[in-house]
């Protein structure tokens, strides 16, 4: 697989996010921070990944921002309901 290291980094980011989200189970503010930090890390990872592959375009940045924002809004809304 050509980009195995890149995807292992992404998997690590998401695994740490899940771990710390559940670790701070009783601290909603920390969970919100983890969600926002994970979204930012996802966007940063996407930009770096595409820059290294020399296939970056501004539309890619917009796509990563849209996915990260949608995911963060979804998780934050579920967290607010709990």
Protein backbone atom coordinates (compact mmCIF):
# COMPACT_ATOMS: atom_id res chain seq x y z
CA UNK A 1 0.00 0.00 0.00
CA UNK A 2 1.45 3.29 -1.13
CA UNK A 3 0.33 5.55 1.75
CA UNK A 4 0.33 3.06 4.61
CA UNK A 5 2.30 5.32 6.97
CA UNK A 6 -0.06 8.22 6.33
CA UNK A 7 -3.11 6.14 7.13
CA UNK A 8 -1.46 4.70 10.25
CA UNK A 9 -0.96 8.27 11.46
CA UNK A 10 -4.64 9.01 10.80
CA UNK A 11 -5.67 5.82 12.56
CA UNK A 12 -3.50 6.79 15.54
CA UNK A 13 -5.07 10.25 15.72
CA UNK A 14 -8.56 8.77 15.70
CA UNK A 15 -7.65 6.02 18.19
CA UNK A 16 -6.21 8.56 20.65
CA UNK A 17 -9.32 10.68 20.21
CA UNK A 18 -11.64 7.78 21.00
CA UNK A 19 -9.52 6.73 23.99
CA UNK A 20 -9.42 10.21 25.51
CA UNK A 21 -13.08 10.86 24.74
CA UNK A 22 -14.04 7.86 26.88
CA UNK A 23 -11.30 8.54 29.44
CA UNK A 24 -12.87 11.94 30.14
CA UNK A 25 -16.34 10.42 30.28
CA UNK A 26 -17.58 12.73 33.06
CA UNK A 27 -15.99 15.93 31.74
CA UNK A 28 -18.09 17.35 28.92
CA UNK A 29 -15.82 20.36 28.37
CA UNK A 30 -12.80 18.06 27.86
CA UNK A 31 -14.83 15.91 25.47
CA UNK A 32 -15.80 18.97 23.45
CA UNK A 33 -12.16 20.00 23.28
CA UNK A 34 -11.17 16.52 22.12
CA UNK A 35 -13.79 16.63 19.37
CA UNK A 36 -12.60 20.02 18.14
CA UNK A 37 -8.92 19.04 18.37
CA UNK A 38 -9.59 15.82 16.48
CA UNK A 39 -11.40 17.70 13.74
CA UNK A 40 -8.50 20.14 13.42
CA UNK A 41 -5.98 17.26 13.39
CA UNK A 42 -8.01 15.53 10.68
CA UNK A 43 -7.95 18.62 8.47
CA UNK A 44 -4.24 19.12 9.09
CA UNK A 45 -3.54 15.47 8.33
CA UNK A 46 -5.50 15.71 5.07
CA UNK A 47 -3.63 18.80 3.93
CA UNK A 48 -0.22 17.32 4.77
CA UNK A 49 -1.13 14.00 3.16
CA UNK A 50 -2.13 15.65 -0.11
CA UNK A 51 0.83 18.03 -0.09
CA UNK A 52 3.23 15.11 0.30
CA UNK A 53 1.46 13.27 -2.51
CA UNK A 54 1.68 16.46 -4.61
CA UNK A 55 -2.01 16.40 -5.35
CA UNK A 56 -3.21 19.23 -3.14
CA UNK A 57 -5.92 21.53 -4.42
CA UNK A 58 -7.98 24.09 -2.52
CA UNK A 59 -11.11 22.03 -3.12
CA UNK A 60 -9.50 19.23 -1.12
CA UNK A 61 -9.06 21.61 1.83
CA UNK A 62 -12.72 22.62 1.58
CA UNK A 63 -13.75 18.97 1.50
CA UNK A 64 -11.72 18.11 4.61
CA UNK A 65 -13.09 21.18 6.39
CA UNK A 66 -16.65 20.21 5.46
CA UNK A 67 -16.28 16.62 6.65
CA UNK A 68 -14.56 17.68 9.89
CA UNK A 69 -17.19 20.33 10.59
CA UNK A 70 -20.07 17.96 9.88
CA UNK A 71 -18.59 15.27 12.12
CA UNK A 72 -17.86 17.74 14.93
CA UNK A 73 -21.35 19.25 14.78
CA UNK A 74 -22.92 15.78 14.79
CA UNK A 75 -20.90 14.52 17.77
CA UNK A 76 -21.26 17.79 19.70
CA UNK A 77 -25.03 17.73 19.19
CA UNK A 78 -25.22 14.15 20.42
CA UNK A 79 -23.07 15.08 23.38
CA UNK A 80 -25.34 18.01 24.21
CA UNK A 81 -28.39 15.74 24.23
CA UNK A 82 -26.81 13.25 26.64
